[in-house]
Protein backbone atom coordinates (compact mmCIF):
# COMPACT_ATOMS: atom_id res chain seq x y z
CA MET A 1 -0.18 0.09 0.05
CA GLN A 2 1.21 3.54 -1.13
CA GLU A 3 2.03 5.48 2.05
CA TYR A 4 0.92 9.37 1.70
CA VAL A 5 2.08 12.15 4.05
CA ASP A 6 0.90 16.00 3.88
CA ILE A 7 3.04 18.86 3.52
CA GLY A 8 1.00 21.57 3.86
CA ARG A 9 -2.44 22.57 3.63
CA GLY A 10 -3.68 21.19 0.44
CA ARG A 11 -1.33 19.30 -0.89
CA SER A 12 1.08 15.45 -0.15
CA ALA A 13 3.20 13.53 -0.91
CA ARG A 14 4.13 9.88 -1.50
CA ARG A 15 6.13 8.38 1.12
CA VAL A 16 9.34 6.54 -0.94
CA TYR A 17 12.55 5.15 -0.45
CA GLY A 18 16.15 5.34 -1.44
CA LEU A 19 18.79 2.05 -1.47
CA ASP A 20 20.91 3.00 1.06
CA GLN A 21 17.04 3.31 3.64
CA VAL A 22 16.46 -0.90 2.64
CA ASP A 23 18.32 -3.96 3.85
CA ILE A 24 18.85 -7.80 2.72
CA VAL A 25 17.80 -9.29 5.63
CA PRO A 26 18.84 -13.38 4.95
CA SER A 27 15.53 -15.52 6.52
CA ARG A 28 16.54 -19.63 4.83
CA ARG A 29 19.78 -22.20 5.30
CA THR A 30 22.90 -20.49 3.45
CA ARG A 31 23.94 -21.57 0.45
CA SER A 32 28.06 -21.33 -0.78
CA SER A 33 28.83 -19.15 -2.96
CA HIS A 34 30.25 -21.17 -5.63
CA ASP A 35 26.40 -22.42 -6.43
CA VAL A 36 24.96 -19.45 -7.54
CA ASP A 37 24.41 -18.62 -11.25
CA THR A 38 24.72 -14.57 -11.81
CA THR A 39 23.54 -15.02 -15.63
CA TRP A 40 21.29 -12.52 -17.48
CA LYS A 41 19.49 -13.29 -19.84
CA ILE A 42 17.80 -10.60 -22.14
CA ASP A 43 16.21 -11.46 -25.27
CA ALA A 44 18.47 -13.70 -27.37
CA TYR A 45 21.43 -13.20 -25.73
CA THR A 46 23.04 -14.53 -22.66
CA PHE A 47 25.84 -12.48 -20.20
CA ASP A 48 27.86 -13.79 -17.30
CA PHE A 49 26.33 -11.54 -15.13
CA PRO A 50 24.45 -8.30 -14.48
CA VAL A 51 25.43 -5.40 -15.51
CA MET A 52 25.09 -2.87 -18.79
CA ALA A 53 28.70 -0.71 -18.44
CA HIS A 54 27.20 3.13 -18.51
CA PRO A 55 27.22 4.61 -21.77
CA THR A 56 29.67 7.53 -21.03
CA ASP A 57 33.82 7.58 -23.08
CA ALA A 58 35.26 8.33 -19.74
CA VAL A 59 34.97 4.83 -19.56
CA VAL A 60 33.91 2.91 -22.65
CA SER A 61 36.85 3.36 -24.40
CA PRO A 62 37.29 0.48 -27.40
CA GLU A 63 39.17 -1.91 -25.77
CA PHE A 64 36.94 -1.39 -21.89
CA ALA A 65 33.99 -1.80 -24.15
CA ILE A 66 36.11 -5.85 -25.40
CA GLU A 67 37.41 -6.56 -22.39
CA PHE A 68 34.33 -6.00 -20.42
CA GLY A 69 32.49 -8.08 -23.16
CA LYS A 70 35.01 -10.59 -22.89
CA LEU A 71 34.57 -11.21 -18.87
CA GLY A 72 30.72 -11.03 -19.49
CA GLY A 73 29.47 -7.51 -19.71
CA LEU A 74 27.25 -5.13 -22.05
CA PRO A 75 29.31 -2.67 -22.69
CA VAL A 76 27.24 0.46 -24.22
CA ILE A 77 28.82 3.04 -26.16
CA ASN A 78 27.53 5.99 -26.67
CA ALA A 79 27.22 7.07 -30.02
CA GLU A 80 26.81 11.45 -29.35
CA GLY A 81 29.62 10.71 -27.39
CA LEU A 82 33.70 10.96 -28.90
CA TRP A 83 33.64 8.29 -31.06
CA GLY A 84 32.74 10.13 -34.09
CA ARG A 85 33.36 13.51 -32.75
CA ALA A 86 37.44 12.86 -31.78
CA ALA A 87 39.88 11.63 -34.61
CA ASP A 88 42.16 11.42 -31.70
CA LEU A 89 40.13 10.32 -28.95
CA ASP A 90 42.56 9.87 -25.93
CA GLY A 91 44.41 13.17 -26.34
CA ALA A 92 40.20 14.43 -26.48
CA LEU A 93 39.61 12.88 -23.21
CA ARG A 94 42.85 14.15 -21.45
CA GLU A 95 42.32 17.34 -22.64
CA VAL A 96 38.87 17.09 -20.55
CA VAL A 97 40.85 15.20 -16.99
CA GLY A 98 43.70 18.56 -17.48
CA ALA A 99 41.24 20.69 -17.34
CA ALA A 100 39.75 18.80 -14.45
CA ARG A 101 42.45 18.17 -13.11
CA SER A 102 43.17 22.16 -13.57
CA SER A 103 39.92 22.51 -11.20
CA LEU A 104 41.16 20.45 -8.18
CA TYR A 105 44.17 21.23 -5.74
CA ALA A 106 45.55 18.57 -3.31
CA ASP A 107 47.01 20.24 0.58
CA ALA A 108 50.09 18.27 0.32
CA ALA A 109 51.09 18.84 3.98
CA SER A 110 47.53 17.30 5.48
CA GLY A 111 47.11 14.99 2.58
CA ASP A 112 43.56 15.95 2.12
CA ALA A 113 41.96 14.73 -1.72
CA PRO A 114 40.64 16.63 -4.23
CA ILE A 115 38.67 19.83 -3.46
CA THR A 116 36.64 20.64 -6.60
CA MET A 117 37.25 24.46 -7.50
CA ASP A 118 35.67 25.84 -10.61
CA LEU A 119 33.18 22.98 -10.85
CA GLY A 120 32.48 23.57 -14.53
CA ALA A 121 36.41 23.81 -16.61
CA ALA A 122 35.87 20.10 -17.70
CA ASN A 123 32.54 20.44 -18.91
CA LYS A 124 33.24 23.58 -20.92
CA VAL A 125 35.39 21.66 -22.10
CA LEU A 126 32.88 19.08 -22.96
CA GLN A 127 29.93 21.05 -24.72
CA ARG A 128 33.29 21.77 -26.80
CA LEU A 129 34.58 18.52 -27.81
CA HIS A 130 30.82 17.03 -28.20
CA SER A 131 29.67 21.11 -30.47
CA GLN A 132 31.80 19.14 -33.43
CA PRO A 133 29.93 16.89 -35.59
CA LEU A 134 29.15 13.57 -36.02
CA ASP A 135 32.07 11.90 -38.51
CA GLU A 136 30.13 8.72 -39.05
CA GLU A 137 32.13 6.40 -40.82
CA LEU A 138 34.67 7.22 -37.69
CA LEU A 139 32.12 6.48 -35.70
CA LEU A 140 31.56 3.24 -37.48
CA GLU A 141 34.64 2.59 -37.57
CA ARG A 142 34.90 2.53 -34.00
CA LEU A 143 31.84 0.19 -33.56
CA SER A 144 33.91 -1.75 -36.06
CA GLN A 145 36.73 -2.82 -33.96
CA VAL A 146 34.74 -3.84 -30.99
CA ARG A 147 32.12 -6.18 -33.66
CA ASP A 148 34.80 -7.18 -34.78
CA SER A 149 36.41 -8.92 -31.53
CA GLY A 150 33.09 -10.76 -31.42
CA VAL A 151 31.51 -10.05 -27.81
CA ARG A 152 27.83 -8.40 -27.71
CA PHE A 153 27.73 -4.75 -27.25
CA ALA A 154 24.86 -2.08 -27.05
CA VAL A 155 24.94 1.49 -28.98
CA ARG A 156 23.19 4.17 -26.83
CA VAL A 157 21.13 7.25 -28.68
CA SER A 158 19.17 10.06 -27.07
CA PRO A 159 15.58 10.00 -27.94
CA GLN A 160 15.41 13.35 -29.75
CA HIS A 161 19.01 11.81 -32.73
CA ALA A 162 17.64 8.10 -32.28
CA ALA A 163 15.30 7.91 -35.48
CA GLU A 164 18.48 10.01 -37.46
CA LEU A 165 20.89 8.28 -35.84
CA ALA A 166 19.73 4.23 -35.34
CA PRO A 167 19.68 2.79 -39.35
CA THR A 168 23.44 4.48 -39.49
CA ILE A 169 24.38 2.83 -36.21
CA ILE A 170 22.36 -1.05 -36.83
CA LYS A 171 24.99 -1.30 -39.29
CA SER A 172 27.59 -1.58 -37.33
CA GLY A 173 26.16 -5.04 -36.50
CA LEU A 174 25.32 -3.77 -33.23
CA ASP A 175 23.39 -6.37 -30.93
CA MET A 176 21.21 -4.31 -29.45
CA LEU A 177 20.07 -0.50 -29.13
CA VAL A 178 19.34 1.70 -26.46
CA ILE A 179 17.43 4.39 -26.72
CA GLN A 180 18.12 6.28 -22.98
CA GLY A 181 17.92 9.52 -21.70
CA THR A 182 17.81 11.40 -17.86
CA LEU A 183 14.05 11.01 -18.44
CA VAL A 184 12.31 9.38 -21.33
CA SER A 185 8.63 8.40 -22.39
CA ALA A 186 6.43 6.81 -24.81
CA GLU A 187 6.70 9.31 -26.89
CA HIS A 188 8.69 11.96 -27.45
CA VAL A 189 7.51 15.79 -28.83
CA HIS A 190 8.72 18.65 -30.59
CA ARG A 191 7.69 21.28 -31.75
CA ASP A 192 10.03 21.68 -34.67
CA GLY A 193 9.40 17.87 -36.15
CA GLU A 194 7.56 15.28 -35.27
CA PRO A 195 6.61 12.99 -32.36
CA LEU A 196 9.23 10.59 -31.77
CA ASN A 197 6.35 7.48 -30.98
CA LEU A 198 8.44 5.13 -29.41
CA LYS A 199 6.31 1.96 -29.74
CA GLU A 200 6.07 2.87 -33.86
CA PHE A 201 9.92 3.71 -34.28
CA ILE A 202 10.65 0.41 -32.47
CA GLY A 203 8.10 -2.12 -33.87
CA SER A 204 10.26 -1.13 -37.19
CA LEU A 205 13.44 -2.30 -36.24
CA ASP A 206 15.41 -5.73 -36.14
CA VAL A 207 17.20 -5.09 -33.53
CA PRO A 208 16.97 -5.47 -30.07
CA VAL A 209 15.77 -2.65 -28.01
CA ILE A 210 16.50 -1.35 -24.35
CA ALA A 211 14.71 2.30 -23.46
CA GLY A 212 13.78 4.37 -20.20
CA GLY A 213 14.91 6.27 -17.68
CA VAL A 214 11.76 6.28 -16.12
CA VAL A 215 10.93 5.96 -12.49
CA ASP A 216 8.02 5.25 -11.70
CA TYR A 217 4.72 2.42 -12.19
CA THR A 218 3.34 4.90 -15.70
CA THR A 219 5.90 5.85 -16.94
CA ALA A 220 7.71 2.34 -16.58
CA MET A 221 4.20 -0.05 -18.13
CA HIS A 222 4.02 2.68 -20.98
CA MET A 223 7.31 2.02 -21.70
CA MET A 224 6.88 -1.86 -22.09
CA ARG A 225 3.45 -1.22 -24.52
CA THR A 226 6.34 0.12 -26.72
CA GLY A 227 7.98 -3.36 -27.28
CA ALA A 228 11.21 -2.79 -25.31
CA ALA A 229 13.23 -5.53 -24.18
CA GLY A 230 14.34 -3.88 -21.11
CA VAL A 231 13.22 -0.83 -19.86
CA ILE A 232 15.35 1.40 -17.59
CA VAL A 233 14.89 2.96 -14.21
CA GLY A 234 16.62 6.02 -13.26
CA SER A 235 18.64 8.94 -14.59
CA GLY A 236 22.34 7.90 -14.07
CA ASP A 237 24.68 9.27 -12.22
CA THR A 238 23.06 12.89 -12.75
CA THR A 239 22.62 16.37 -10.94
CA ASN A 240 18.99 16.15 -11.56
CA ASN A 241 18.11 16.81 -8.25
CA ASP A 242 19.88 20.07 -8.05
CA SER A 243 19.38 21.18 -11.17
CA LEU A 244 16.04 20.30 -12.71
CA GLY A 245 14.40 19.53 -8.35
CA ILE A 246 13.84 15.77 -9.84
CA ASP A 247 14.75 12.25 -8.67
CA VAL A 248 13.16 9.47 -6.98
CA PRO A 249 14.91 7.35 -4.41
CA MET A 250 15.78 4.17 -6.15
CA ALA A 251 14.21 1.32 -3.91
CA THR A 252 10.60 2.59 -4.35
CA ALA A 253 11.19 3.81 -8.15
CA ILE A 254 12.80 -0.53 -8.78
CA ALA A 255 9.79 -2.16 -6.65
CA ASP A 256 6.68 0.28 -8.67
CA ALA A 257 8.92 -0.59 -12.10
CA ALA A 258 9.37 -4.18 -11.08
CA ALA A 259 5.22 -4.02 -11.08
CA ALA A 260 4.95 -2.37 -13.81
CA ARG A 261 6.99 -6.12 -15.41
CA ARG A 262 4.40 -8.04 -13.29
CA ASP A 263 1.38 -6.83 -14.58
CA TYR A 264 2.70 -6.03 -18.17
CA LEU A 265 3.30 -10.31 -18.38
CA ASP A 266 -0.12 -11.11 -16.71
CA GLU A 267 -1.72 -8.59 -19.76
CA THR A 268 0.15 -9.86 -22.12
CA GLY A 269 -0.19 -13.10 -21.52
CA GLY A 270 3.70 -13.76 -20.75
CA ARG A 271 6.23 -10.50 -22.20
CA TYR A 272 8.80 -10.39 -19.91
CA VAL A 273 10.73 -7.38 -20.00
CA HIS A 274 13.77 -6.37 -18.01
CA VAL A 275 13.62 -3.88 -15.72
CA ILE A 276 17.77 -2.46 -15.49
CA ALA A 277 18.73 -0.38 -12.73
CA ASP A 278 20.61 2.61 -13.04
CA SER A 279 20.95 5.99 -10.77
CA GLY A 280 24.03 6.54 -9.88
CA LEU A 281 25.19 3.51 -7.91
CA GLN A 282 28.44 2.70 -6.18
CA THR A 283 28.84 -0.29 -3.77
CA SER A 284 28.30 -3.83 -4.98
CA GLY A 285 26.12 -3.73 -1.70
CA GLN A 286 23.66 -1.43 -3.69
CA VAL A 287 24.27 -3.50 -6.78
CA ALA A 288 22.81 -6.32 -4.02
CA LYS A 289 19.81 -3.61 -3.07
CA ALA A 290 18.66 -3.25 -6.79
CA ILE A 291 18.47 -6.43 -7.55
CA ALA A 292 17.12 -7.49 -4.20
CA CYS A 293 13.83 -5.30 -4.92
CA GLY A 294 12.89 -6.13 -7.64
CA ALA A 295 15.39 -5.41 -10.90
CA ASP A 296 16.78 -7.85 -13.35
CA ALA A 297 20.14 -6.20 -13.84
CA VAL A 298 22.27 -2.88 -13.30
CA ALA A 299 23.82 -0.36 -15.07
CA LEU A 300 27.21 1.10 -13.29
CA GLY A 301 29.67 3.95 -14.34
CA ALA A 302 31.34 5.64 -11.75
CA PRO A 303 32.16 1.79 -9.93
CA LEU A 304 34.03 0.73 -13.34
CA SER A 305 35.67 3.96 -14.44
CA VAL A 306 38.93 3.37 -11.90
CA ALA A 307 39.03 0.29 -14.74
CA ASP A 308 43.01 0.63 -16.06
CA SER A 309 40.72 0.15 -19.32
CA ALA A 310 38.51 2.69 -18.57
CA GLY A 311 38.58 5.47 -21.33
CA ALA A 312 40.01 8.06 -19.04
CA PRO A 313 40.65 5.59 -15.70
CA GLU A 314 40.32 7.19 -12.55
CA TRP A 315 37.81 9.78 -13.75
CA PHE A 316 34.30 10.02 -14.27
CA TRP A 317 31.45 11.89 -16.20
CA PRO A 318 28.06 10.96 -17.60
CA SER A 319 27.14 11.63 -20.70
CA THR A 320 24.82 14.50 -20.02
CA ALA A 321 27.59 16.15 -18.27
CA ALA A 322 28.13 17.58 -22.57
CA HIS A 323 24.74 18.97 -23.04
CA PRO A 324 25.43 22.48 -24.38
CA LYS A 325 22.83 24.50 -22.44
CA ALA A 326 22.38 22.42 -19.50
CA PRO A 327 24.62 19.96 -18.46
CA ARG A 328 23.36 17.40 -15.53
CA GLY A 329 26.32 16.07 -14.23
CA GLU A 330 30.79 16.70 -13.12
CA VAL A 331 33.65 15.16 -14.36
CA ALA A 332 34.67 13.65 -11.02
CA PHE A 333 37.68 12.08 -9.62
CA THR A 334 37.39 8.26 -8.58
CA GLY A 335 40.81 6.97 -8.18
CA GLU A 336 41.09 7.55 -3.92
CA SER A 337 42.36 3.90 -4.27
CA GLY A 338 44.27 4.18 -7.81
CA ALA A 339 43.51 2.62 -10.61
CA LEU A 340 42.83 -1.50 -11.24
CA SER A 341 42.47 -4.12 -13.86
CA LEU A 342 38.63 -4.61 -14.77
CA GLU A 343 39.01 -8.32 -13.84
CA GLU A 344 40.04 -7.35 -9.80
CA LEU A 345 37.44 -5.10 -10.02
CA LEU A 346 34.67 -7.23 -11.19
CA PHE A 347 35.67 -10.14 -9.46
CA GLY A 348 38.45 -10.10 -7.04
CA PRO A 349 40.50 -9.95 -5.38
CA THR A 350 40.83 -7.36 -3.56
CA SER A 351 41.32 -6.41 -0.28
CA ASN A 352 39.48 -2.90 -0.12
CA PRO A 353 36.28 -3.85 2.48
CA TYR A 354 33.73 -1.17 1.44
CA GLY A 355 31.62 -2.72 -1.90
CA THR A 356 33.77 -0.82 -4.32
CA GLU A 357 36.29 -3.65 -6.12
CA ASN A 358 35.21 -7.34 -6.93
CA ILE A 359 31.82 -6.23 -7.10
CA ILE A 360 30.20 -9.24 -8.95
CA GLY A 361 32.18 -11.55 -6.21
CA SER A 362 30.27 -9.65 -3.62
CA LEU A 363 27.14 -9.63 -5.18
CA ARG A 364 27.65 -13.78 -5.26
CA ARG A 365 28.37 -14.46 -1.99
CA SER A 366 25.38 -11.60 -0.59
CA MET A 367 23.05 -14.34 -2.81
CA ALA A 368 24.45 -17.13 -1.29
CA LYS A 369 24.51 -16.34 2.52
CA CYS A 370 20.57 -14.99 1.75
CA GLY A 371 20.00 -19.15 0.33
CA TYR A 372 19.81 -18.18 -3.21
CA THR A 373 21.25 -19.30 -6.55
CA ASP A 374 20.30 -17.39 -8.97
CA LEU A 375 19.16 -13.62 -9.43
CA LYS A 376 15.40 -14.09 -10.41
CA SER A 377 14.73 -16.14 -7.12
CA PHE A 378 16.66 -13.62 -5.14
CA GLN A 379 14.01 -10.28 -6.13
CA LYS A 380 12.14 -12.52 -3.42
CA VAL A 381 14.45 -11.90 -1.00
CA ASP A 382 12.89 -10.05 3.05
CA LEU A 383 13.76 -6.76 2.77
CA VAL A 384 13.13 -4.15 6.06
CA VAL A 385 12.99 -0.65 5.88
CA ARG A 386 15.63 1.83 8.48
């Protein structure tokens, strides 16, 4: 039952919960983590673990995409990022990091961590780099590098440019198309052109589509009815709350989307749409909680940015940080513990006790401690609210 509280005369608000407000409660006999299966199956594809890499150039370089795919995850490449705009991709990323680094200072005497001084310096560089025209041939050349490695991969486009870019990037041999914005509805209306009807658009494609983000039951249900294979819940690691006043605690958002998934399954007589949580998840504990709340998979950004194969190792920014008029994300330093291999980051071993390394190994252990051996059954684990 939904709970509403009065916030003033004639105005009420729903009480909702974030992942940090809920905890997993083991209530079954424990299992060995070696018996746990983290396989994620979506449409015709199977992945060894339920993680998409957030589509940002800071993380997903060609080398990262190939390695992440070979390890068993789903890399997602931003078609509107620098892959198709910068002939010298590494040089462009170094320029962004250089601007961010110059806006930081460290107190050498006390050893304090860097503190941001000019919050917009690196964003200005991102905006300038993204103002360059998109070279479709360059983009396809880099996508073909990933395709030729033999890994499964997805490519992300925004709703505003989906109709324009999709035919081109599908030529790359991608496995899935991701239509993602911070907030997406089933129909995107633009006064200067025809509205994008996602149901018609997705129905015209020969590849499965993941679409989002959505934040509640209604928008999730509408998105599922478009024919999407997966629905993204959340807005990624953005500053939406600061800049737009929009935010929804993820425990409630995921549970609402999972309820929409169940009702849509009944409505269609068996069509299952995957729920993918993407809202700045930072630790393996949050990954476990997201799945416990009903997610089939998660998207990770900042936690993967410390991989030595990332585009800008130890630095992170979401794709929204480059918006030409209203960036909703910052370039942040993430390398307090230093860069490490992607395999260590995902599977360990680690000496870090805070859940930022050995992410999949820790997920397996959480499932085993609760007595579950597969992701779907783990969605039924007991939860408590703090």
